[in-house]
Amino acid sequence: MIDSIALDLLKVLKEILDRGCMLPTFNKGVIIFIPRFGDKFKIGIWRPITLLGNVYKVVAEVLTWRLQEFLP
């Protein structure tokens, strides 16, 4: 299963390199609200978090690794 995911991820990364940019949907997030504690009907206890796609995170991590060689 991991090999299958790795191949799909490599295809996506190759397409990003060929295009020179990512698809607009890669860096979009979904905002959801999670209750902290207490009465869930009170608006003050909810906190927002943003869920990002995994491809975006992997591309950001790869760029970070590669840029570390050139930046102090």
Protein backbone atom coordinates (compact mmCIF):
# COMPACT_ATOMS: atom_id res chain seq x y z
CA MET A 1 0.00 0.00 0.00
CA ILE A 2 2.82 2.41 0.84
CA ASP A 3 4.41 1.75 -2.56
CA SER A 4 1.14 2.69 -4.23
CA ILE A 5 0.91 5.93 -2.25
CA ALA A 6 4.55 6.72 -3.01
CA LEU A 7 4.00 6.24 -6.76
CA ASP A 8 0.94 8.49 -6.73
CA LEU A 9 2.81 11.12 -4.75
CA LEU A 10 5.74 10.99 -7.17
CA LYS A 11 3.37 11.52 -10.09
CA VAL A 12 1.87 14.57 -8.38
CA LEU A 13 5.29 16.01 -7.53
CA LYS A 14 6.50 15.45 -11.11
CA GLU A 15 3.44 17.25 -12.45
CA ILE A 16 4.12 20.17 -10.10
CA LEU A 17 7.71 20.38 -11.37
CA ASP A 18 6.62 20.13 -15.01
CA ARG A 19 3.97 22.84 -14.63
CA GLY A 20 6.08 25.08 -12.44
CA CYS A 21 3.19 25.59 -10.03
CA MET A 22 0.75 23.68 -7.88
CA LEU A 23 -2.93 23.29 -8.61
CA PRO A 24 -5.01 25.88 -6.77
CA THR A 25 -6.77 23.17 -4.78
CA PHE A 26 -3.55 21.95 -3.14
CA ASN A 27 -3.31 24.82 -0.70
CA LYS A 28 -6.98 25.14 0.17
CA GLY A 29 -8.08 24.16 3.63
CA VAL A 30 -11.29 23.23 5.35
CA ILE A 31 -12.11 25.09 8.56
CA ILE A 32 -13.88 23.05 11.21
CA PHE A 33 -14.82 23.94 14.76
CA ILE A 34 -13.95 21.81 17.78
CA PRO A 35 -15.55 22.37 21.19
CA ARG A 36 -13.14 23.01 24.06
CA PHE A 37 -15.30 22.12 27.05
CA GLY A 38 -18.68 22.81 28.55
CA ASP A 39 -22.02 23.46 26.93
CA LYS A 40 -21.80 22.87 23.17
CA PHE A 41 -24.62 25.34 22.58
CA LYS A 42 -22.47 28.30 23.71
CA ILE A 43 -20.51 29.83 20.85
CA GLY A 44 -17.54 30.84 23.04
CA ILE A 45 -16.29 27.29 23.58
CA TRP A 46 -15.73 26.44 19.92
CA ARG A 47 -12.25 26.87 18.40
CA PRO A 48 -11.50 26.78 14.68
CA ILE A 49 -8.84 24.58 13.12
CA THR A 50 -7.86 24.30 9.47
CA LEU A 51 -7.40 20.93 7.80
CA LEU A 52 -4.96 20.97 4.89
CA GLY A 53 -4.41 18.30 2.28
CA ASN A 54 -1.51 15.90 2.64
CA VAL A 55 0.01 16.69 -0.75
CA TYR A 56 0.44 20.32 0.26
CA LYS A 57 2.22 19.28 3.46
CA VAL A 58 4.55 16.89 1.62
CA VAL A 59 5.44 19.47 -1.04
CA ALA A 60 6.16 22.07 1.67
CA GLU A 61 8.38 19.60 3.53
CA VAL A 62 10.31 18.63 0.39
CA LEU A 63 10.89 22.29 -0.45
CA THR A 64 12.08 22.91 3.10
CA TRP A 65 14.61 20.07 2.89
CA ARG A 66 15.92 21.26 -0.46
CA LEU A 67 16.18 24.91 0.48
CA GLN A 68 18.14 24.15 3.67
CA GLU A 69 21.19 23.41 1.54
CA PHE A 70 21.22 26.94 0.16
CA LEU A 71 19.98 29.02 3.08
CA PRO A 72 21.92 29.64 6.29
